[in-house]
């Protein structure tokens, strides 16, 4: 019976603090990763708001091509004069 009490004392005084220490070493990086993931999510959502104008780039490209063609026609007309 005395060995049972010694085993319980060792469990409480040695093993339990080691388990708590190891759990702390495991959980601290986990919480840091969670904070980083939340930060990435926040910035990712704000980034998608700035990407709303991307489809308008196609229209801008087409308009630039049309303007360039007009300038080329104007330049060639000036050369003919």
PDB file of N, CA and C in Angstrom:
ATOM      1  N   UNK A   1       0.823  -1.193   0.000  1.00  0.00           N
ATOM      2  CA  UNK A   1       0.000   0.000   0.000  1.00  0.00           C
ATOM      3  C   UNK A   1       0.867   1.256   0.000  1.00  0.00           C
ATOM      4  N   UNK A   2       2.031   1.179   0.664  1.00  0.00           N
ATOM      5  CA  UNK A   2       2.902   2.341   0.714  1.00  0.00           C
ATOM      6  C   UNK A   2       3.463   2.656  -0.662  1.00  0.00           C
ATOM      7  N   UNK A   3       3.711   1.604  -1.461  1.00  0.00           N
ATOM      8  CA  UNK A   3       4.182   1.833  -2.825  1.00  0.00           C
ATOM      9  C   UNK A   3       3.116   2.551  -3.661  1.00  0.00           C
ATOM     10  N   UNK A   4       1.865   2.227  -3.376  1.00  0.00           N
ATOM     11  CA  UNK A   4       0.761   2.900  -4.081  1.00  0.00           C
ATOM     12  C   UNK A   4       0.784   4.401  -3.791  1.00  0.00           C
ATOM     13  N   UNK A   5       1.002   4.768  -2.546  1.00  0.00           N
ATOM     14  CA  UNK A   5       1.061   6.189  -2.178  1.00  0.00           C
ATOM     15  C   UNK A   5       2.302   6.860  -2.773  1.00  0.00           C
ATOM     16  N   UNK A   6       3.413   6.156  -2.807  1.00  0.00           N
ATOM     17  CA  UNK A   6       4.626   6.703  -3.426  1.00  0.00           C
ATOM     18  C   UNK A   6       4.400   6.909  -4.924  1.00  0.00           C
ATOM     19  N   UNK A   7       3.762   5.947  -5.551  1.00  0.00           N
ATOM     20  CA  UNK A   7       3.442   6.071  -6.984  1.00  0.00           C
ATOM     21  C   UNK A   7       2.527   7.252  -7.253  1.00  0.00           C
ATOM     22  N   UNK A   8       1.541   7.444  -6.406  1.00  0.00           N
ATOM     23  CA  UNK A   8       0.634   8.596  -6.558  1.00  0.00           C
ATOM     24  C   UNK A   8       1.370   9.916  -6.355  1.00  0.00           C
ATOM     25  N   UNK A   9       2.271   9.936  -5.370  1.00  0.00           N
ATOM     26  CA  UNK A   9       3.036  11.158  -5.108  1.00  0.00           C
ATOM     27  C   UNK A   9       3.956  11.474  -6.281  1.00  0.00           C
ATOM     28  N   UNK A  10       4.591  10.459  -6.839  1.00  0.00           N
ATOM     29  CA  UNK A  10       5.456  10.669  -8.007  1.00  0.00           C
ATOM     30  C   UNK A  10       4.614  11.157  -9.183  1.00  0.00           C
ATOM     31  N   UNK A  11       3.463  10.586  -9.357  1.00  0.00           N
ATOM     32  CA  UNK A  11       2.579  11.000 -10.446  1.00  0.00           C
ATOM     33  C   UNK A  11       2.177  12.461 -10.301  1.00  0.00           C
ATOM     34  N   UNK A  12       1.821  12.855  -9.101  1.00  0.00           N
ATOM     35  CA  UNK A  12       1.367  14.228  -8.880  1.00  0.00           C
ATOM     36  C   UNK A  12       2.528  15.212  -8.895  1.00  0.00           C
ATOM     37  N   UNK A  13       3.672  14.854  -8.309  1.00  0.00           N
ATOM     38  CA  UNK A  13       4.770  15.796  -8.157  1.00  0.00           C
ATOM     39  C   UNK A  13       5.744  15.811  -9.336  1.00  0.00           C
ATOM     40  N   UNK A  14       5.796  14.749 -10.123  1.00  0.00           N
ATOM     41  CA  UNK A  14       6.774  14.695 -11.215  1.00  0.00           C
ATOM     42  C   UNK A  14       6.092  14.650 -12.578  1.00  0.00           C
ATOM     43  N   UNK A  15       5.224  13.701 -12.762  1.00  0.00           N
ATOM     44  CA  UNK A  15       4.638  13.480 -14.082  1.00  0.00           C
ATOM     45  C   UNK A  15       3.658  14.598 -14.453  1.00  0.00           C
ATOM     46  N   UNK A  16       2.825  15.014 -13.544  1.00  0.00           N
ATOM     47  CA  UNK A  16       1.834  16.051 -13.851  1.00  0.00           C
ATOM     48  C   UNK A  16       2.496  17.367 -14.269  1.00  0.00           C
ATOM     49  N   UNK A  17       3.537  17.865 -13.558  1.00  0.00           N
ATOM     50  CA  UNK A  17       4.186  19.095 -14.036  1.00  0.00           C
ATOM     51  C   UNK A  17       4.849  18.935 -15.406  1.00  0.00           C
ATOM     52  N   UNK A  18       5.405  17.751 -15.657  1.00  0.00           N
ATOM     53  CA  UNK A  18       6.015  17.524 -16.973  1.00  0.00           C
ATOM     54  C   UNK A  18       4.950  17.543 -18.064  1.00  0.00           C
ATOM     55  N   UNK A  19       3.813  16.949 -17.802  1.00  0.00           N
ATOM     56  CA  UNK A  19       2.719  16.956 -18.782  1.00  0.00           C
ATOM     57  C   UNK A  19       2.227  18.381 -19.015  1.00  0.00           C
ATOM     58  N   UNK A  20       2.097  19.151 -17.963  1.00  0.00           N
ATOM     59  CA  UNK A  20       1.662  20.545 -18.113  1.00  0.00           C
ATOM     60  C   UNK A  20       2.696  21.344 -18.894  1.00  0.00           C
ATOM     61  N   UNK A  21       3.971  21.128 -18.623  1.00  0.00           N
ATOM     62  CA  UNK A  21       5.042  21.837 -19.335  1.00  0.00           C
ATOM     63  C   UNK A  21       5.034  21.470 -20.815  1.00  0.00           C
ATOM     64  N   UNK A  22       4.893  20.185 -21.121  1.00  0.00           N
ATOM     65  CA  UNK A  22       4.851  19.748 -22.519  1.00  0.00           C
ATOM     66  C   UNK A  22       3.604  20.277 -23.227  1.00  0.00           C
ATOM     67  N   UNK A  23       2.483  20.291 -22.540  1.00  0.00           N
ATOM     68  CA  UNK A  23       1.257  20.831 -23.133  1.00  0.00           C
ATOM     69  C   UNK A  23       1.414  22.314 -23.418  1.00  0.00           C
ATOM     70  N   UNK A  24       2.083  23.030 -22.524  1.00  0.00           N
ATOM     71  CA  UNK A  24       2.332  24.452 -22.736  1.00  0.00           C
ATOM     72  C   UNK A  24       3.221  24.670 -23.952  1.00  0.00           C
ATOM     73  N   UNK A  25       4.269  23.825 -24.090  1.00  0.00           N
ATOM     74  CA  UNK A  25       5.152  23.935 -25.249  1.00  0.00           C
ATOM     75  C   UNK A  25       4.407  23.625 -26.542  1.00  0.00           C
ATOM     76  N   UNK A  26       3.403  22.788 -26.474  1.00  0.00           N
ATOM     77  CA  UNK A  26       2.620  22.439 -27.652  1.00  0.00           C
ATOM     78  C   UNK A  26       1.571  23.495 -27.965  1.00  0.00           C
ATOM     79  N   UNK A  27       0.913  24.007 -26.960  1.00  0.00           N
ATOM     80  CA  UNK A  27      -0.202  24.922 -27.176  1.00  0.00           C
ATOM     81  C   UNK A  27       0.237  26.337 -27.537  1.00  0.00           C
ATOM     82  N   UNK A  28       1.373  26.797 -27.047  1.00  0.00           N
ATOM     83  CA  UNK A  28       1.831  28.155 -27.356  1.00  0.00           C
ATOM     84  C   UNK A  28       2.018  28.352 -28.863  1.00  0.00           C
ATOM     85  N   UNK A  29       2.763  27.476 -29.571  1.00  0.00           N
ATOM     86  CA  UNK A  29       2.861  27.649 -31.025  1.00  0.00           C
ATOM     87  C   UNK A  29       1.518  27.491 -31.731  1.00  0.00           C
ATOM     88  N   UNK A  30       0.659  26.655 -31.173  1.00  0.00           N
ATOM     89  CA  UNK A  30      -0.661  26.483 -31.779  1.00  0.00           C
ATOM     90  C   UNK A  30      -1.451  27.786 -31.734  1.00  0.00           C
ATOM     91  N   UNK A  31      -1.402  28.485 -30.630  1.00  0.00           N
ATOM     92  CA  UNK A  31      -2.104  29.767 -30.544  1.00  0.00           C
ATOM     93  C   UNK A  31      -1.464  30.819 -31.434  1.00  0.00           C
ATOM     94  N   UNK A  32      -0.129  30.775 -31.577  1.00  0.00           N
ATOM     95  CA  UNK A  32       0.537  31.709 -32.485  1.00  0.00           C
ATOM     96  C   UNK A  32       0.130  31.446 -33.930  1.00  0.00           C
ATOM     97  N   UNK A  33       0.056  30.168 -34.304  1.00  0.00           N
ATOM     98  CA  UNK A  33      -0.373  29.814 -35.652  1.00  0.00           C
ATOM     99  C   UNK A  33      -1.802  30.283 -35.888  1.00  0.00           C
ATOM    100  N   UNK A  34      -2.643  30.132 -34.891  1.00  0.00           N
ATOM    101  CA  UNK A  34      -4.029  30.586 -35.033  1.00  0.00           C
ATOM    102  C   UNK A  34      -4.083  32.096 -35.227  1.00  0.00           C
ATOM    103  N   UNK A  35      -3.249  32.830 -34.495  1.00  0.00           N
ATOM    104  CA  UNK A  35      -3.217  34.283 -34.662  1.00  0.00           C
ATOM    105  C   UNK A  35      -2.741  34.651 -36.062  1.00  0.00           C
ATOM    106  N   UNK A  36      -1.715  33.946 -36.561  1.00  0.00           N
ATOM    107  CA  UNK A  36      -1.227  34.206 -37.914  1.00  0.00           C
ATOM    108  C   UNK A  36      -2.307  33.876 -38.951  1.00  0.00           C
ATOM    109  N   UNK A  37      -3.018  32.781 -38.745  1.00  0.00           N
ATOM    110  CA  UNK A  37      -4.076  32.397 -39.685  1.00  0.00           C
ATOM    111  C   UNK A  37      -5.194  33.433 -39.687  1.00  0.00           C
ATOM    112  N   UNK A  38      -5.560  33.934 -38.523  1.00  0.00           N
ATOM    113  CA  UNK A  38      -6.576  34.983 -38.458  1.00  0.00           C
ATOM    114  C   UNK A  38      -6.101  36.248 -39.162  1.00  0.00           C
ATOM    115  N   UNK A  39      -4.827  36.579 -39.001  1.00  0.00           N
ATOM    116  CA  UNK A  39      -4.260  37.751 -39.664  1.00  0.00           C
ATOM    117  C   UNK A  39      -4.275  37.574 -41.180  1.00  0.00           C
ATOM    118  N   UNK A  40      -3.928  36.375 -41.643  1.00  0.00           N
ATOM    119  CA  UNK A  40      -3.962  36.099 -43.080  1.00  0.00           C
ATOM    120  C   UNK A  40      -5.386  36.202 -43.600  1.00  0.00           C
ATOM    121  N   UNK A  41      -6.348  35.702 -42.844  1.00  0.00           N
ATOM    122  CA  UNK A  41      -7.740  35.790 -43.265  1.00  0.00           C
ATOM    123  C   UNK A  41      -8.194  37.231 -43.362  1.00  0.00           C
ATOM    124  N   UNK A  42      -7.866  38.046 -42.373  1.00  0.00           N
ATOM    125  CA  UNK A  42      -8.264  39.457 -42.405  1.00  0.00           C
ATOM    126  C   UNK A  42      -7.661  40.168 -43.606  1.00  0.00           C
ATOM    127  N   UNK A  43      -6.373  39.953 -43.850  1.00  0.00           N
ATOM    128  CA  UNK A  43      -5.726  40.631 -44.976  1.00  0.00           C
ATOM    129  C   UNK A  43      -6.194  40.059 -46.312  1.00  0.00           C
ATOM    130  N   UNK A  44      -6.498  38.778 -46.348  1.00  0.00           N
ATOM    131  CA  UNK A  44      -7.013  38.181 -47.583  1.00  0.00           C
ATOM    132  C   UNK A  44      -8.364  38.747 -47.954  1.00  0.00           C
ATOM    133  N   UNK A  45      -9.215  38.946 -46.968  1.00  0.00           N
ATOM    134  CA  UNK A  45     -10.531  39.530 -47.227  1.00  0.00           C
ATOM    135  C   UNK A  45     -10.392  40.973 -47.694  1.00  0.00           C
ATOM    136  N   UNK A  46      -9.487  41.725 -47.082  1.00  0.00           N
ATOM    137  CA  UNK A  46      -9.310  43.109 -47.514  1.00  0.00           C
ATOM    138  C   UNK A  46      -8.672  43.167 -48.900  1.00  0.00           C
ATOM    139  N   UNK A  47      -7.868  42.169 -49.250  1.00  0.00           N
ATOM    140  CA  UNK A  47      -7.260  42.133 -50.575  1.00  0.00           C
ATOM    141  C   UNK A  47      -8.297  41.876 -51.656  1.00  0.00           C
ATOM    142  N   UNK A  48      -9.277  41.039 -51.367  1.00  0.00           N
ATOM    143  CA  UNK A  48     -10.293  40.758 -52.380  1.00  0.00           C
ATOM    144  C   UNK A  48     -11.104  42.003 -52.706  1.00  0.00           C
ATOM    145  N   UNK A  49     -11.210  42.915 -51.774  1.00  0.00           N
ATOM    146  CA  UNK A  49     -11.918  44.167 -52.056  1.00  0.00           C
ATOM    147  C   UNK A  49     -11.184  45.016 -53.072  1.00  0.00           C
ATOM    148  N   UNK A  50      -9.859  44.912 -53.098  1.00  0.00           N
ATOM    149  CA  UNK A  50      -9.090  45.698 -54.065  1.00  0.00           C
ATOM    150  C   UNK A  50      -9.053  45.035 -55.436  1.00  0.00           C
ATOM    151  N   UNK A  51      -9.455  43.794 -55.525  1.00  0.00           N
ATOM    152  CA  UNK A  51      -9.428  43.079 -56.798  1.00  0.00           C
ATOM    153  C   UNK A  51     -10.712  43.244 -57.598  1.00  0.00           C
ATOM    154  N   UNK A  52     -11.642  44.039 -57.110  1.00  0.00           N
ATOM    155  CA  UNK A  52     -12.900  44.233 -57.824  1.00  0.00           C
ATOM    156  C   UNK A  52     -12.689  44.926 -59.164  1.00  0.00           C
ATOM    157  N   UNK A  53     -11.636  45.698 -59.293  1.00  0.00           N
ATOM    158  CA  UNK A  53     -11.400  46.456 -60.524  1.00  0.00           C
ATOM    159  C   UNK A  53     -10.664  45.639 -61.583  1.00  0.00           C
ATOM    160  N   UNK A  54     -10.252  44.432 -61.286  1.00  0.00           N
ATOM    161  CA  UNK A  54      -9.478  43.638 -62.244  1.00  0.00           C
ATOM    162  C   UNK A  54     -10.258  43.373 -63.532  1.00  0.00           C
ATOM    163  N   UNK A  55     -11.544  43.028 -63.512  1.00  0.00           N
ATOM    164  CA  UNK A  55     -12.253  42.829 -64.783  1.00  0.00           C
ATOM    165  C   UNK A  55     -12.299  44.102 -65.644  1.00  0.00           C
ATOM    166  N   UNK A  56     -12.221  45.241 -65.027  1.00  0.00           N
ATOM    167  CA  UNK A  56     -12.234  46.488 -65.786  1.00  0.00           C
ATOM    168  C   UNK A  56     -10.929  46.683 -66.550  1.00  0.00           C
ATOM    169  N   UNK A  57      -9.888  45.937 -66.189  1.00  0.00           N
ATOM    170  CA  UNK A  57      -8.626  46.039 -66.912  1.00  0.00           C
ATOM    171  C   UNK A  57      -8.779  45.580 -68.362  1.00  0.00           C
ATOM    172  N   UNK A  58      -9.636  44.610 -68.613  1.00  0.00           N
ATOM    173  CA  UNK A  58      -9.880  44.159 -69.987  1.00  0.00           C
ATOM    174  C   UNK A  58     -10.492  45.285 -70.808  1.00  0.00           C
ATOM    175  N   UNK A  59     -11.439  45.982 -70.230  1.00  0.00           N
ATOM    176  CA  UNK A  59     -12.055  47.114 -70.928  1.00  0.00           C
ATOM    177  C   UNK A  59     -11.018  48.202 -71.173  1.00  0.00           C
ATOM    178  N   UNK A  60     -10.182  48.447 -70.184  1.00  0.00           N
ATOM    179  CA  UNK A  60      -9.133  49.457 -70.332  1.00  0.00           C
ATOM    180  C   UNK A  60      -8.170  49.060 -71.448  1.00  0.00           C
ATOM    181  N   UNK A  61      -7.794  47.789 -71.493  1.00  0.00           N
ATOM    182  CA  UNK A  61      -6.893  47.318 -72.554  1.00  0.00           C
ATOM    183  C   UNK A  61      -7.518  47.524 -73.933  1.00  0.00           C
ATOM    184  N   UNK A  62      -8.805  47.196 -74.071  1.00  0.00           N
ATOM    185  CA  UNK A  62      -9.486  47.379 -75.353  1.00  0.00           C
ATOM    186  C   UNK A  62      -9.548  48.852 -75.741  1.00  0.00           C
ATOM    187  N   UNK A  63      -9.840  49.708 -74.769  1.00  0.00           N
ATOM    188  CA  UNK A  63      -9.903  51.141 -75.060  1.00  0.00           C
ATOM    189  C   UNK A  63      -8.538  51.698 -75.442  1.00  0.00           C
ATOM    190  N   UNK A  64      -7.490  51.209 -74.801  1.00  0.00           N
ATOM    191  CA  UNK A  64      -6.142  51.655 -75.149  1.00  0.00           C
ATOM    192  C   UNK A  64      -5.789  51.218 -76.568  1.00  0.00           C
ATOM    193  N   UNK A  65      -6.152  49.998 -76.924  1.00  0.00           N
ATOM    194  CA  UNK A  65      -5.896  49.532 -78.289  1.00  0.00           C
ATOM    195  C   UNK A  65      -6.641  50.384 -79.305  1.00  0.00           C
ATOM    196  N   UNK A  66      -7.886  50.729 -79.010  1.00  0.00           N
ATOM    197  CA  UNK A  66      -8.655  51.584 -79.918  1.00  0.00           C
ATOM    198  C   UNK A  66      -8.009  52.958 -80.025  1.00  0.00           C
ATOM    199  N   UNK A  67      -7.579  53.510 -78.915  1.00  0.00           N
ATOM    200  CA  UNK A  67      -6.949  54.830 -78.935  1.00  0.00           C
ATOM    201  C   UNK A  67      -5.630  54.782 -79.704  1.00  0.00           C
ATOM    202  N   UNK A  68      -4.870  53.711 -79.518  1.00  0.00           N
ATOM    203  CA  UNK A  68      -3.595  53.586 -80.227  1.00  0.00           C
ATOM    204  C   UNK A  68      -3.827  53.494 -81.736  1.00  0.00           C
ATOM    205  N   UNK A  69      -4.868  52.773 -82.128  1.00  0.00           N
ATOM    206  CA  UNK A  69      -5.178  52.686 -83.560  1.00  0.00           C
ATOM    207  C   UNK A  69      -5.561  54.059 -84.108  1.00  0.00           C
ATOM    208  N   UNK A  70      -6.316  54.813 -83.323  1.00  0.00           N
ATOM    209  CA  UNK A  70      -6.683  56.156 -83.751  1.00  0.00           C
ATOM    210  C   UNK A  70      -5.463  57.059 -83.879  1.00  0.00           C
ATOM    211  N   UNK A  71      -4.534  56.943 -82.956  1.00  0.00           N
ATOM    212  CA  UNK A  71      -3.310  57.752 -83.008  1.00  0.00           C
ATOM    213  C   UNK A  71      -2.463  57.334 -84.209  1.00  0.00           C
ATOM    214  N   UNK A  72      -2.400  56.034 -84.488  1.00  0.00           N
ATOM    215  CA  UNK A  72      -1.645  55.567 -85.645  1.00  0.00           C
ATOM    216  C   UNK A  72      -2.256  56.102 -86.944  1.00  0.00           C
ATOM    217  N   UNK A  73      -3.580  56.075 -87.038  1.00  0.00           N
ATOM    218  CA  UNK A  73      -4.242  56.632 -88.234  1.00  0.00           C
ATOM    219  C   UNK A  73      -3.983  58.125 -88.357  1.00  0.00           C
ATOM    220  N   UNK A  74      -4.020  58.811 -87.239  1.00  0.00           N
ATOM    221  CA  UNK A  74      -3.758  60.250 -87.271  1.00  0.00           C
ATOM    222  C   UNK A  74      -2.319  60.523 -87.678  1.00  0.00           C
ATOM    223  N   UNK A  75      -1.361  59.733 -87.152  1.00  0.00           N
ATOM    224  CA  UNK A  75       0.034  59.891 -87.503  1.00  0.00           C
ATOM    225  C   UNK A  75       0.296  59.609 -88.962  1.00  0.00           C
ATOM    226  N   UNK A  76      -0.342  58.559 -89.490  1.00  0.00           N
ATOM    227  CA  UNK A  76      -0.145  58.251 -90.917  1.00  0.00           C
ATOM    228  C   UNK A  76      -0.790  59.311 -91.806  1.00  0.00           C
ATOM    229  N   UNK A  77      -1.894  59.894 -91.333  1.00  0.00           N
ATOM    230  CA  UNK A  77      -2.526  60.977 -92.119  1.00  0.00           C
ATOM    231  C   UNK A  77      -1.627  62.192 -92.118  1.00  0.00           C
ATOM    232  N   UNK A  78      -0.966  62.474 -91.005  1.00  0.00           N
ATOM    233  CA  UNK A  78      -0.042  63.610 -90.962  1.00  0.00           C
ATOM    234  C   UNK A  78       1.176  63.387 -91.877  1.00  0.00           C
ATOM    235  N   UNK A  79       1.648  62.163 -91.968  1.00  0.00           N
ATOM    236  CA  UNK A  79       2.770  61.869 -92.830  1.00  0.00           C
ATOM    237  C   UNK A  79       2.397  62.047 -94.306  1.00  0.00           C
ATOM    238  N   UNK A  80       1.173  61.738 -94.625  1.00  0.00           N
ATOM    239  CA  UNK A  80       0.731  61.890 -96.015  1.00  0.00           C
ATOM    240  C   UNK A  80       0.649  63.366 -96.409  1.00  0.00           C
ATOM    241  N   UNK A  81       0.393  64.216 -95.431  1.00  0.00           N
ATOM    242  CA  UNK A  81       0.271  65.633 -95.750  1.00  0.00           C
ATOM    243  C   UNK A  81       1.647  66.166 -96.011  1.00  0.00           C
TER     244      UNK A  81
END
